[in-house]
Amino acid sequence: MEPPIDRTTLEAALHMSGAPSSDFDLNPDFSGAVTGDLRAAGVLIPIMDHPKGPRLVLTKRSSALKHHPGQIAFPGGRVDPTDTDPIDAALRESEEEIGLPRQIVDVIGTLPTHETVTRFQIYPVLGWIRDDFVPIAEPGEVSEIFTVPMNHVLNADNFNVQSRLWCGQKRSFFTVPYGPYYIWGATARILRGLADRVQL
C-alpha cells in the first residue's frame, strides 16, 4: 500500500511542466468535426484531510440537468462576467453547488487547461480544505456529494481507457471507477494528468 498523499507532494506536482489536455487526445479524428469558440470554465479539485489520508470531494450531477445529467464531476462551471478569473469561478461555483465556503479553501495552484468536446476550456484549480466542512448539495444541480481517497485517483494503475458511440462515431475516454461511482470523461482525464505528475 502506498503512503498517503500529502499537501507537499501535491504542491511539488503542480510545479512540474506539462501540456494542456483535451478530449481529442484519445480521439484525434474528432478535433476537426467540432467547431465553435471555447468558453472558459473553472473547476475546483477540493481535497479534505482524513485520518487515513486526504480525500477528494466529487459530485454526482442531478439527473434533471440538460447537460451531462448523472455524471460525476468536480464542482465548478463557466466563468461569469462577474468572476475575476477561472479560480474565482471555481470557488464561487463550489460554494453554490456543495456549500464550500471559499474562506476555508487554500488554493494550491492550477493544472494545465483541458479542452472538452462540448467546447469548454476548463481551468482545474487544486484547493486544500483546511477546516471542517459539511457538504450541502444544491438540489437543482447536485444529487450527491461523496469523497474518494486521493491515493486511488492518483494511482495510474486504477485508470482504464474505454469507448462508446458518440454522434455515430467511436469515442475513447479515461475512466477511474471507485465503488459504485463511474468516474470518466473530462473529470477522469484531469485526474489522470495529476496522477502522471505524482507517479505513485
N, C-alpha and C. Protein backbone atom coordinates (compact mmCIF):
# COMPACT_ATOMS: atom_id res chain seq x y z
N MET A 1 0.84 -1.20 0.00
CA MET A 1 0.00 0.00 0.00
C MET A 1 0.88 1.25 0.00
N GLU A 2 0.53 2.24 -0.85
CA GLU A 2 1.30 3.46 -0.93
C GLU A 2 1.03 4.33 0.30
N PRO A 3 2.04 5.10 0.75
CA PRO A 3 1.79 6.05 1.84
C PRO A 3 0.81 7.11 1.38
N PRO A 4 0.01 7.67 2.30
CA PRO A 4 -0.97 8.68 1.90
C PRO A 4 -0.31 9.89 1.24
N ILE A 5 -0.97 10.42 0.23
CA ILE A 5 -0.52 11.64 -0.42
C ILE A 5 -0.66 12.80 0.57
N ASP A 6 0.31 13.70 0.57
CA ASP A 6 0.18 14.87 1.43
C ASP A 6 0.22 16.15 0.60
N ARG A 7 0.00 17.25 1.26
CA ARG A 7 -0.08 18.54 0.57
C ARG A 7 1.24 18.90 -0.11
N THR A 8 2.35 18.58 0.55
CA THR A 8 3.66 18.89 -0.02
C THR A 8 3.86 18.19 -1.36
N THR A 9 3.43 16.94 -1.44
CA THR A 9 3.55 16.18 -2.69
C THR A 9 2.75 16.83 -3.80
N LEU A 10 1.54 17.27 -3.47
CA LEU A 10 0.69 17.91 -4.47
C LEU A 10 1.27 19.25 -4.93
N GLU A 11 1.80 20.01 -3.99
CA GLU A 11 2.40 21.29 -4.36
C GLU A 11 3.58 21.07 -5.30
N ALA A 12 4.39 20.05 -5.03
CA ALA A 12 5.53 19.75 -5.90
C ALA A 12 5.06 19.33 -7.28
N ALA A 13 3.96 18.56 -7.33
CA ALA A 13 3.44 18.09 -8.62
C ALA A 13 2.99 19.25 -9.49
N LEU A 14 2.44 20.28 -8.88
CA LEU A 14 1.95 21.42 -9.65
C LEU A 14 3.08 22.24 -10.25
N HIS A 15 4.27 22.12 -9.71
CA HIS A 15 5.40 22.87 -10.23
C HIS A 15 6.07 22.18 -11.42
N MET A 16 5.63 20.97 -11.73
CA MET A 16 6.17 20.27 -12.89
C MET A 16 5.57 20.84 -14.17
N SER A 17 6.36 20.85 -15.22
CA SER A 17 5.85 21.34 -16.50
C SER A 17 4.90 20.31 -17.10
N GLY A 18 3.97 20.78 -17.90
CA GLY A 18 3.01 19.88 -18.53
C GLY A 18 2.19 20.61 -19.57
N ALA A 19 1.74 19.87 -20.56
CA ALA A 19 0.96 20.46 -21.65
C ALA A 19 -0.53 20.38 -21.34
N PRO A 20 -1.33 21.26 -21.92
CA PRO A 20 -2.79 21.14 -21.78
C PRO A 20 -3.28 19.81 -22.32
N SER A 21 -4.42 19.36 -21.80
CA SER A 21 -5.02 18.11 -22.28
C SER A 21 -6.32 18.42 -23.02
N SER A 22 -6.89 17.39 -23.61
CA SER A 22 -8.08 17.58 -24.44
C SER A 22 -8.85 16.28 -24.57
N ASP A 23 -10.16 16.39 -24.79
CA ASP A 23 -10.96 15.21 -25.11
C ASP A 23 -10.49 14.57 -26.41
N PHE A 24 -9.76 15.34 -27.21
CA PHE A 24 -9.30 14.84 -28.50
C PHE A 24 -7.98 14.08 -28.40
N ASP A 25 -7.37 14.03 -27.22
CA ASP A 25 -6.10 13.31 -27.07
C ASP A 25 -6.26 11.85 -27.49
N LEU A 26 -7.38 11.25 -27.11
CA LEU A 26 -7.65 9.85 -27.47
C LEU A 26 -8.52 9.74 -28.71
N ASN A 27 -8.95 10.89 -29.24
CA ASN A 27 -9.87 10.91 -30.38
C ASN A 27 -9.46 11.98 -31.40
N PRO A 28 -8.29 11.84 -32.00
CA PRO A 28 -7.82 12.89 -32.91
C PRO A 28 -8.73 13.13 -34.11
N ASP A 29 -9.50 12.13 -34.51
CA ASP A 29 -10.39 12.30 -35.67
C ASP A 29 -11.56 13.22 -35.37
N PHE A 30 -11.84 13.45 -34.08
CA PHE A 30 -12.96 14.31 -33.71
C PHE A 30 -12.61 15.79 -33.79
N SER A 31 -11.33 16.13 -33.68
CA SER A 31 -10.93 17.52 -33.50
C SER A 31 -11.40 18.43 -34.62
N GLY A 32 -11.42 17.94 -35.85
CA GLY A 32 -11.85 18.79 -36.96
C GLY A 32 -13.35 18.86 -37.13
N ALA A 33 -14.07 17.97 -36.43
CA ALA A 33 -15.52 17.90 -36.60
C ALA A 33 -16.27 18.79 -35.62
N VAL A 34 -15.57 19.29 -34.60
CA VAL A 34 -16.20 20.10 -33.57
C VAL A 34 -15.75 21.55 -33.75
N THR A 35 -16.71 22.45 -33.88
CA THR A 35 -16.38 23.85 -34.11
C THR A 35 -17.04 24.74 -33.07
N GLY A 36 -16.67 26.00 -33.07
CA GLY A 36 -17.23 26.95 -32.11
C GLY A 36 -16.17 27.48 -31.18
N ASP A 37 -16.42 28.67 -30.64
CA ASP A 37 -15.47 29.29 -29.73
C ASP A 37 -15.42 28.53 -28.40
N LEU A 38 -14.24 28.50 -27.80
CA LEU A 38 -14.09 27.89 -26.49
C LEU A 38 -14.62 28.83 -25.41
N ARG A 39 -15.34 28.26 -24.44
CA ARG A 39 -15.84 29.02 -23.31
C ARG A 39 -15.06 28.63 -22.07
N ALA A 40 -14.60 29.61 -21.31
CA ALA A 40 -13.78 29.34 -20.13
C ALA A 40 -14.64 28.84 -18.97
N ALA A 41 -14.12 27.85 -18.26
CA ALA A 41 -14.79 27.30 -17.07
C ALA A 41 -13.73 27.00 -16.02
N GLY A 42 -14.10 27.18 -14.76
CA GLY A 42 -13.21 26.84 -13.67
C GLY A 42 -13.81 25.74 -12.82
N VAL A 43 -13.01 24.71 -12.53
CA VAL A 43 -13.47 23.63 -11.64
C VAL A 43 -12.50 23.52 -10.47
N LEU A 44 -13.05 23.17 -9.32
CA LEU A 44 -12.23 23.00 -8.13
C LEU A 44 -11.98 21.52 -7.90
N ILE A 45 -10.73 21.18 -7.64
CA ILE A 45 -10.37 19.84 -7.20
C ILE A 45 -10.20 19.95 -5.68
N PRO A 46 -11.30 19.77 -4.92
CA PRO A 46 -11.27 20.04 -3.48
C PRO A 46 -10.78 18.82 -2.70
N ILE A 47 -9.78 19.04 -1.87
CA ILE A 47 -9.18 17.95 -1.11
C ILE A 47 -9.35 18.24 0.37
N MET A 48 -9.86 17.25 1.09
CA MET A 48 -10.04 17.40 2.53
C MET A 48 -9.22 16.36 3.28
N ASP A 49 -8.71 16.75 4.44
CA ASP A 49 -7.89 15.84 5.23
C ASP A 49 -8.76 14.75 5.84
N HIS A 50 -8.12 13.60 6.11
CA HIS A 50 -8.82 12.45 6.66
C HIS A 50 -7.80 11.62 7.42
N PRO A 51 -8.19 10.96 8.52
CA PRO A 51 -7.22 10.17 9.29
C PRO A 51 -6.48 9.12 8.46
N LYS A 52 -7.13 8.60 7.42
CA LYS A 52 -6.49 7.57 6.59
C LYS A 52 -5.87 8.15 5.32
N GLY A 53 -5.79 9.46 5.25
CA GLY A 53 -5.20 10.10 4.09
C GLY A 53 -6.20 11.02 3.41
N PRO A 54 -5.70 12.03 2.71
CA PRO A 54 -6.57 13.02 2.07
C PRO A 54 -7.58 12.40 1.11
N ARG A 55 -8.74 13.04 1.02
CA ARG A 55 -9.79 12.55 0.14
C ARG A 55 -10.26 13.68 -0.79
N LEU A 56 -10.65 13.28 -1.98
CA LEU A 56 -11.16 14.19 -2.99
C LEU A 56 -12.67 14.28 -2.90
N VAL A 57 -13.20 15.48 -2.95
CA VAL A 57 -14.65 15.69 -2.93
C VAL A 57 -15.15 15.79 -4.37
N LEU A 58 -16.12 14.95 -4.71
CA LEU A 58 -16.71 14.96 -6.05
C LEU A 58 -18.23 15.04 -5.94
N THR A 59 -18.86 15.40 -7.05
CA THR A 59 -20.32 15.48 -7.08
C THR A 59 -20.89 14.55 -8.14
N LYS A 60 -22.13 14.16 -7.92
CA LYS A 60 -22.90 13.49 -8.96
C LYS A 60 -23.95 14.49 -9.42
N ARG A 61 -23.90 14.82 -10.70
CA ARG A 61 -24.79 15.85 -11.23
C ARG A 61 -26.24 15.38 -11.21
N SER A 62 -27.14 16.31 -11.02
CA SER A 62 -28.57 16.00 -10.99
C SER A 62 -29.02 15.38 -12.32
N SER A 63 -29.91 14.41 -12.23
CA SER A 63 -30.44 13.77 -13.44
C SER A 63 -31.38 14.70 -14.20
N ALA A 64 -31.75 15.82 -13.57
CA ALA A 64 -32.66 16.77 -14.22
C ALA A 64 -31.92 17.79 -15.09
N LEU A 65 -30.60 17.81 -15.01
CA LEU A 65 -29.83 18.77 -15.79
C LEU A 65 -29.86 18.44 -17.28
N LYS A 66 -29.81 19.47 -18.10
CA LYS A 66 -29.83 19.27 -19.55
C LYS A 66 -28.52 18.69 -20.06
N HIS A 67 -27.40 19.15 -19.50
CA HIS A 67 -26.09 18.72 -19.96
C HIS A 67 -25.44 17.80 -18.92
N HIS A 68 -24.95 16.66 -19.37
CA HIS A 68 -24.22 15.70 -18.55
C HIS A 68 -24.99 15.27 -17.29
N PRO A 69 -26.27 14.94 -17.39
CA PRO A 69 -27.02 14.53 -16.20
C PRO A 69 -26.46 13.24 -15.61
N GLY A 70 -26.40 13.19 -14.29
CA GLY A 70 -25.99 11.98 -13.60
C GLY A 70 -24.51 11.68 -13.64
N GLN A 71 -23.71 12.51 -14.28
CA GLN A 71 -22.28 12.24 -14.38
C GLN A 71 -21.54 12.72 -13.13
N ILE A 72 -20.38 12.11 -12.91
CA ILE A 72 -19.52 12.51 -11.80
C ILE A 72 -18.67 13.70 -12.25
N ALA A 73 -18.59 14.72 -11.40
CA ALA A 73 -17.89 15.93 -11.81
C ALA A 73 -17.27 16.64 -10.62
N PHE A 74 -16.29 17.49 -10.93
CA PHE A 74 -15.79 18.43 -9.93
C PHE A 74 -16.83 19.54 -9.77
N PRO A 75 -16.90 20.16 -8.60
CA PRO A 75 -17.73 21.37 -8.52
C PRO A 75 -17.09 22.48 -9.37
N GLY A 76 -17.91 23.23 -10.06
CA GLY A 76 -17.38 24.29 -10.91
C GLY A 76 -18.33 24.61 -12.04
N GLY A 77 -17.90 25.51 -12.90
CA GLY A 77 -18.75 25.90 -14.02
C GLY A 77 -18.11 27.02 -14.82
N ARG A 78 -18.88 27.55 -15.75
CA ARG A 78 -18.35 28.56 -16.65
C ARG A 78 -17.99 29.85 -15.91
N VAL A 79 -17.03 30.57 -16.48
CA VAL A 79 -16.61 31.84 -15.91
C VAL A 79 -17.64 32.91 -16.27
N ASP A 80 -18.25 33.51 -15.26
CA ASP A 80 -19.23 34.58 -15.47
C ASP A 80 -18.53 35.93 -15.59
N PRO A 81 -19.21 36.92 -16.17
CA PRO A 81 -18.62 38.26 -16.28
C PRO A 81 -18.23 38.87 -14.93
N THR A 82 -18.91 38.44 -13.86
CA THR A 82 -18.61 38.99 -12.54
C THR A 82 -17.41 38.31 -11.87
N ASP A 83 -16.94 37.20 -12.43
CA ASP A 83 -15.78 36.49 -11.88
C ASP A 83 -14.49 37.19 -12.31
N THR A 84 -13.54 37.27 -11.40
CA THR A 84 -12.27 37.91 -11.75
C THR A 84 -11.40 37.02 -12.63
N ASP A 85 -11.53 35.70 -12.48
CA ASP A 85 -10.74 34.75 -13.25
C ASP A 85 -11.33 33.35 -13.03
N PRO A 86 -10.78 32.31 -13.69
CA PRO A 86 -11.32 30.96 -13.51
C PRO A 86 -11.23 30.45 -12.08
N ILE A 87 -10.22 30.89 -11.32
CA ILE A 87 -10.13 30.48 -9.92
C ILE A 87 -11.32 31.02 -9.14
N ASP A 88 -11.65 32.27 -9.38
CA ASP A 88 -12.81 32.88 -8.73
C ASP A 88 -14.09 32.14 -9.10
N ALA A 89 -14.20 31.74 -10.36
CA ALA A 89 -15.38 31.00 -10.81
C ALA A 89 -15.47 29.64 -10.12
N ALA A 90 -14.33 28.95 -10.00
CA ALA A 90 -14.32 27.63 -9.35
C ALA A 90 -14.74 27.73 -7.89
N LEU A 91 -14.25 28.74 -7.20
CA LEU A 91 -14.61 28.92 -5.79
C LEU A 91 -16.07 29.32 -5.63
N ARG A 92 -16.54 30.20 -6.50
CA ARG A 92 -17.94 30.62 -6.44
C ARG A 92 -18.88 29.44 -6.69
N GLU A 93 -18.61 28.69 -7.74
CA GLU A 93 -19.46 27.55 -8.08
C GLU A 93 -19.43 26.49 -6.98
N SER A 94 -18.28 26.29 -6.35
CA SER A 94 -18.18 25.30 -5.28
C SER A 94 -19.01 25.70 -4.08
N GLU A 95 -19.05 27.00 -3.81
CA GLU A 95 -19.89 27.47 -2.71
C GLU A 95 -21.37 27.28 -3.05
N GLU A 96 -21.73 27.51 -4.30
CA GLU A 96 -23.12 27.36 -4.72
C GLU A 96 -23.53 25.88 -4.77
N GLU A 97 -22.66 25.02 -5.29
CA GLU A 97 -23.04 23.63 -5.56
C GLU A 97 -22.94 22.73 -4.34
N ILE A 98 -21.88 22.92 -3.52
CA ILE A 98 -21.67 21.99 -2.40
C ILE A 98 -21.55 22.71 -1.06
N GLY A 99 -21.81 24.01 -1.03
CA GLY A 99 -21.77 24.75 0.23
C GLY A 99 -20.39 24.90 0.83
N LEU A 100 -19.36 24.93 -0.01
CA LEU A 100 -17.98 25.03 0.47
C LEU A 100 -17.57 26.51 0.55
N PRO A 101 -17.40 27.05 1.76
CA PRO A 101 -17.01 28.46 1.87
C PRO A 101 -15.61 28.68 1.32
N ARG A 102 -15.46 29.66 0.47
CA ARG A 102 -14.14 29.90 -0.11
C ARG A 102 -13.11 30.30 0.95
N GLN A 103 -13.59 30.80 2.10
CA GLN A 103 -12.67 31.25 3.15
C GLN A 103 -11.86 30.10 3.75
N ILE A 104 -12.33 28.86 3.59
CA ILE A 104 -11.59 27.74 4.18
C ILE A 104 -10.85 26.93 3.12
N VAL A 105 -10.74 27.47 1.92
CA VAL A 105 -10.03 26.78 0.85
C VAL A 105 -8.71 27.48 0.56
N ASP A 106 -7.61 26.75 0.71
CA ASP A 106 -6.30 27.25 0.31
C ASP A 106 -6.07 26.81 -1.14
N VAL A 107 -5.97 27.76 -2.04
CA VAL A 107 -5.70 27.42 -3.44
C VAL A 107 -4.22 27.08 -3.57
N ILE A 108 -3.94 25.81 -3.88
CA ILE A 108 -2.55 25.35 -4.01
C ILE A 108 -1.98 25.77 -5.36
N GLY A 109 -2.81 25.74 -6.38
CA GLY A 109 -2.36 26.11 -7.72
C GLY A 109 -3.31 25.57 -8.77
N THR A 110 -2.89 25.65 -10.01
CA THR A 110 -3.73 25.18 -11.12
C THR A 110 -2.98 24.18 -11.98
N LEU A 111 -3.74 23.32 -12.63
CA LEU A 111 -3.20 22.38 -13.61
C LEU A 111 -3.36 22.98 -15.01
N PRO A 112 -2.67 22.42 -16.00
CA PRO A 112 -2.89 22.88 -17.38
C PRO A 112 -4.36 22.73 -17.76
N THR A 113 -4.81 23.56 -18.67
CA THR A 113 -6.22 23.54 -19.07
C THR A 113 -6.59 22.25 -19.79
N HIS A 114 -7.90 21.97 -19.80
CA HIS A 114 -8.42 20.81 -20.52
C HIS A 114 -9.55 21.28 -21.44
N GLU A 115 -9.45 20.94 -22.72
CA GLU A 115 -10.47 21.30 -23.70
C GLU A 115 -11.44 20.15 -23.88
N THR A 116 -12.74 20.44 -23.80
CA THR A 116 -13.74 19.39 -23.94
C THR A 116 -14.38 19.41 -25.33
N VAL A 117 -14.99 18.29 -25.66
CA VAL A 117 -15.67 18.18 -26.95
C VAL A 117 -16.88 19.10 -27.01
N THR A 118 -17.37 19.53 -25.85
CA THR A 118 -18.50 20.46 -25.80
C THR A 118 -18.06 21.93 -25.81
N ARG A 119 -16.79 22.15 -26.15
CA ARG A 119 -16.23 23.48 -26.38
C ARG A 119 -16.05 24.31 -25.11
N PHE A 120 -15.64 23.65 -24.04
CA PHE A 120 -15.23 24.36 -22.84
C PHE A 120 -13.73 24.23 -22.67
N GLN A 121 -13.10 25.30 -22.23
CA GLN A 121 -11.71 25.24 -21.81
C GLN A 121 -11.71 25.30 -20.29
N ILE A 122 -11.41 24.15 -19.69
CA ILE A 122 -11.52 24.01 -18.25
C ILE A 122 -10.19 24.34 -17.58
N TYR A 123 -10.28 25.17 -16.55
CA TYR A 123 -9.12 25.51 -15.73
C TYR A 123 -9.25 24.76 -14.40
N PRO A 124 -8.49 23.67 -14.19
CA PRO A 124 -8.60 22.91 -12.94
C PRO A 124 -7.81 23.60 -11.82
N VAL A 125 -8.48 23.84 -10.70
CA VAL A 125 -7.90 24.54 -9.56
C VAL A 125 -7.80 23.57 -8.39
N LEU A 126 -6.60 23.37 -7.88
CA LEU A 126 -6.40 22.46 -6.76
C LEU A 126 -6.57 23.24 -5.47
N GLY A 127 -7.50 22.79 -4.61
CA GLY A 127 -7.77 23.50 -3.37
C GLY A 127 -7.74 22.58 -2.16
N TRP A 128 -7.08 23.02 -1.10
CA TRP A 128 -6.99 22.24 0.14
C TRP A 128 -7.96 22.84 1.15
N ILE A 129 -8.91 22.01 1.62
CA ILE A 129 -9.89 22.45 2.60
C ILE A 129 -9.25 22.35 3.98
N ARG A 130 -9.03 23.48 4.62
CA ARG A 130 -8.22 23.48 5.85
C ARG A 130 -9.05 23.36 7.13
N ASP A 131 -10.37 23.50 7.04
CA ASP A 131 -11.22 23.39 8.22
C ASP A 131 -12.30 22.34 7.99
N ASP A 132 -12.99 21.99 9.08
CA ASP A 132 -14.10 21.03 8.96
C ASP A 132 -15.13 21.57 7.97
N PHE A 133 -15.69 20.65 7.23
CA PHE A 133 -16.61 21.04 6.16
C PHE A 133 -17.73 20.01 6.05
N VAL A 134 -18.96 20.48 6.14
CA VAL A 134 -20.14 19.62 5.97
C VAL A 134 -20.77 19.99 4.63
N PRO A 135 -20.66 19.12 3.62
CA PRO A 135 -21.20 19.45 2.29
C PRO A 135 -22.72 19.62 2.31
N ILE A 136 -23.18 20.58 1.54
CA ILE A 136 -24.62 20.80 1.35
C ILE A 136 -24.86 20.89 -0.15
N ALA A 137 -25.59 19.91 -0.69
CA ALA A 137 -25.82 19.85 -2.13
C ALA A 137 -26.89 20.85 -2.56
N GLU A 138 -26.64 21.53 -3.66
CA GLU A 138 -27.65 22.38 -4.29
C GLU A 138 -28.52 21.44 -5.13
N PRO A 139 -29.76 21.14 -4.71
CA PRO A 139 -30.54 20.06 -5.32
C PRO A 139 -30.83 20.24 -6.81
N GLY A 140 -30.82 21.46 -7.29
CA GLY A 140 -31.08 21.66 -8.71
C GLY A 140 -29.92 21.24 -9.59
N GLU A 141 -28.72 21.14 -9.00
CA GLU A 141 -27.54 20.81 -9.78
C GLU A 141 -26.85 19.53 -9.33
N VAL A 142 -26.95 19.22 -8.04
CA VAL A 142 -26.17 18.11 -7.47
C VAL A 142 -27.10 17.14 -6.77
N SER A 143 -26.99 15.86 -7.13
CA SER A 143 -27.82 14.84 -6.48
C SER A 143 -27.08 14.15 -5.34
N GLU A 144 -25.75 14.20 -5.36
CA GLU A 144 -24.97 13.51 -4.33
C GLU A 144 -23.57 14.12 -4.26
N ILE A 145 -23.03 14.16 -3.05
CA ILE A 145 -21.64 14.57 -2.82
C ILE A 145 -20.95 13.41 -2.11
N PHE A 146 -19.78 13.03 -2.59
CA PHE A 146 -19.07 11.90 -1.99
C PHE A 146 -17.57 12.17 -2.05
N THR A 147 -16.79 11.34 -1.36
CA THR A 147 -15.34 11.51 -1.37
C THR A 147 -14.65 10.24 -1.84
N VAL A 148 -13.47 10.41 -2.38
CA VAL A 148 -12.65 9.31 -2.90
C VAL A 148 -11.24 9.49 -2.34
N PRO A 149 -10.58 8.42 -1.90
CA PRO A 149 -9.20 8.57 -1.44
C PRO A 149 -8.31 9.13 -2.55
N MET A 150 -7.50 10.11 -2.22
CA MET A 150 -6.59 10.66 -3.21
C MET A 150 -5.64 9.60 -3.74
N ASN A 151 -5.24 8.67 -2.89
CA ASN A 151 -4.34 7.61 -3.35
C ASN A 151 -4.96 6.79 -4.48
N HIS A 152 -6.29 6.70 -4.49
CA HIS A 152 -6.95 5.92 -5.54
C HIS A 152 -6.88 6.65 -6.88
N VAL A 153 -7.21 7.93 -6.88
CA VAL A 153 -7.26 8.66 -8.16
C VAL A 153 -5.89 9.14 -8.61
N LEU A 154 -4.87 9.00 -7.77
CA LEU A 154 -3.52 9.39 -8.18
C LEU A 154 -2.65 8.20 -8.52
N ASN A 155 -3.25 7.02 -8.56
CA ASN A 155 -2.54 5.81 -8.98
C ASN A 155 -2.93 5.50 -10.42
N ALA A 156 -2.00 5.66 -11.35
CA ALA A 156 -2.29 5.48 -12.77
C ALA A 156 -2.79 4.07 -13.08
N ASP A 157 -2.46 3.10 -12.23
CA ASP A 157 -2.90 1.72 -12.47
C ASP A 157 -4.42 1.57 -12.32
N ASN A 158 -5.07 2.53 -11.67
CA ASN A 158 -6.52 2.46 -11.48
C ASN A 158 -7.31 3.04 -12.65
N PHE A 159 -6.61 3.55 -13.65
CA PHE A 159 -7.26 4.14 -14.81
C PHE A 159 -7.35 3.14 -15.96
N ASN A 160 -8.43 3.24 -16.72
CA ASN A 160 -8.61 2.44 -17.93
C ASN A 160 -9.06 3.35 -19.06
N VAL A 161 -8.90 2.88 -20.28
CA VAL A 161 -9.45 3.57 -21.45
C VAL A 161 -10.60 2.74 -21.98
N GLN A 162 -11.78 3.33 -22.06
CA GLN A 162 -12.95 2.66 -22.60
C GLN A 162 -13.50 3.48 -23.76
N SER A 163 -14.52 2.97 -24.40
CA SER A 163 -15.08 3.70 -25.55
C SER A 163 -16.58 3.43 -25.66
N ARG A 164 -17.25 4.35 -26.36
CA ARG A 164 -18.67 4.21 -26.67
C ARG A 164 -18.96 5.05 -27.91
N LEU A 165 -20.14 4.84 -28.48
CA LEU A 165 -20.51 5.62 -29.66
C LEU A 165 -21.00 7.01 -29.24
N TRP A 166 -20.52 8.02 -29.94
CA TRP A 166 -20.95 9.40 -29.72
C TRP A 166 -21.07 10.07 -31.08
N CYS A 167 -22.27 10.55 -31.40
CA CYS A 167 -22.54 11.14 -32.72
C CYS A 167 -22.20 10.17 -33.84
N GLY A 168 -22.48 8.89 -33.60
CA GLY A 168 -22.27 7.88 -34.63
C GLY A 168 -20.84 7.42 -34.79
N GLN A 169 -19.94 7.91 -33.95
CA GLN A 169 -18.54 7.52 -34.04
C GLN A 169 -18.05 6.98 -32.70
N LYS A 170 -17.04 6.13 -32.77
CA LYS A 170 -16.47 5.58 -31.55
C LYS A 170 -15.62 6.64 -30.86
N ARG A 171 -15.90 6.87 -29.59
CA ARG A 171 -15.14 7.85 -28.82
C ARG A 171 -14.51 7.16 -27.62
N SER A 172 -13.21 7.35 -27.44
CA SER A 172 -12.49 6.75 -26.32
C SER A 172 -12.30 7.78 -25.20
N PHE A 173 -12.19 7.29 -23.96
CA PHE A 173 -12.08 8.19 -22.82
C PHE A 173 -11.48 7.44 -21.64
N PHE A 174 -10.89 8.19 -20.71
CA PHE A 174 -10.36 7.61 -19.49
C PHE A 174 -11.48 7.35 -18.49
N THR A 175 -11.29 6.31 -17.68
CA THR A 175 -12.18 6.04 -16.55
C THR A 175 -11.32 5.73 -15.32
N VAL A 176 -11.85 6.04 -14.14
CA VAL A 176 -11.19 5.64 -12.90
C VAL A 176 -12.30 5.32 -11.89
N PRO A 177 -12.94 4.16 -12.05
CA PRO A 177 -14.08 3.81 -11.20
C PRO A 177 -13.68 3.71 -9.73
N TYR A 178 -14.64 4.01 -8.87
CA TYR A 178 -14.44 3.85 -7.43
C TYR A 178 -15.75 3.39 -6.83
N GLY A 179 -15.79 2.13 -6.35
CA GLY A 179 -17.03 1.59 -5.79
C GLY A 179 -18.16 1.72 -6.79
N PRO A 180 -19.30 2.30 -6.38
CA PRO A 180 -20.43 2.43 -7.31
C PRO A 180 -20.31 3.63 -8.25
N TYR A 181 -19.23 4.37 -8.13
CA TYR A 181 -19.10 5.62 -8.89
C TYR A 181 -18.24 5.42 -10.14
N TYR A 182 -18.83 5.77 -11.28
CA TYR A 182 -18.17 5.63 -12.57
C TYR A 182 -17.62 7.00 -12.97
N ILE A 183 -16.36 7.22 -12.66
CA ILE A 183 -15.71 8.50 -12.93
C ILE A 183 -15.06 8.40 -14.31
N TRP A 184 -15.48 9.28 -15.23
CA TRP A 184 -14.98 9.16 -16.59
C TRP A 184 -14.94 10.54 -17.26
N GLY A 185 -14.54 10.54 -18.53
CA GLY A 185 -14.56 11.76 -19.32
C GLY A 185 -13.54 12.79 -18.85
N ALA A 186 -13.93 14.06 -18.93
CA ALA A 186 -13.02 15.15 -18.58
C ALA A 186 -12.54 15.05 -17.14
N THR A 187 -13.44 14.64 -16.23
CA THR A 187 -13.05 14.51 -14.82
C THR A 187 -11.92 13.50 -14.67
N ALA A 188 -12.08 12.34 -15.29
CA ALA A 188 -11.05 11.31 -15.21
C ALA A 188 -9.77 11.75 -15.92
N ARG A 189 -9.91 12.45 -17.04
CA ARG A 189 -8.72 12.88 -17.79
C ARG A 189 -7.91 13.89 -16.98
N ILE A 190 -8.57 14.81 -16.32
CA ILE A 190 -7.86 15.79 -15.49
C ILE A 190 -7.16 15.09 -14.32
N LEU A 191 -7.85 14.13 -13.70
CA LEU A 191 -7.23 13.38 -12.61
C LEU A 191 -6.06 12.55 -13.10
N ARG A 192 -6.17 12.01 -14.31
CA ARG A 192 -5.05 11.24 -14.86
C ARG A 192 -3.83 12.15 -15.07
N GLY A 193 -4.07 13.38 -15.51
CA GLY A 193 -2.97 14.31 -15.67
C GLY A 193 -2.26 14.60 -14.36
N LEU A 194 -3.04 14.72 -13.28
CA LEU A 194 -2.45 14.92 -11.96
C LEU A 194 -1.72 13.67 -11.50
N ALA A 195 -2.31 12.50 -11.76
CA ALA A 195 -1.68 11.23 -11.38
C ALA A 195 -0.33 11.06 -12.08
N ASP A 196 -0.25 11.45 -13.34
CA ASP A 196 1.01 11.34 -14.08
C ASP A 196 2.09 12.21 -13.46
N ARG A 197 1.71 13.31 -12.85
CA ARG A 197 2.69 14.18 -12.20
C ARG A 197 3.17 13.60 -10.87
N VAL A 198 2.24 12.94 -10.15
CA VAL A 198 2.59 12.40 -8.84
C VAL A 198 3.33 11.07 -8.98
N GLN A 199 2.87 10.23 -9.91
CA GLN A 199 3.51 8.95 -10.22
C GLN A 199 3.67 8.07 -8.99
N LEU A 200 2.55 7.63 -8.44
CA LEU A 200 2.58 6.68 -7.32
C LEU A 200 3.18 5.35 -7.75
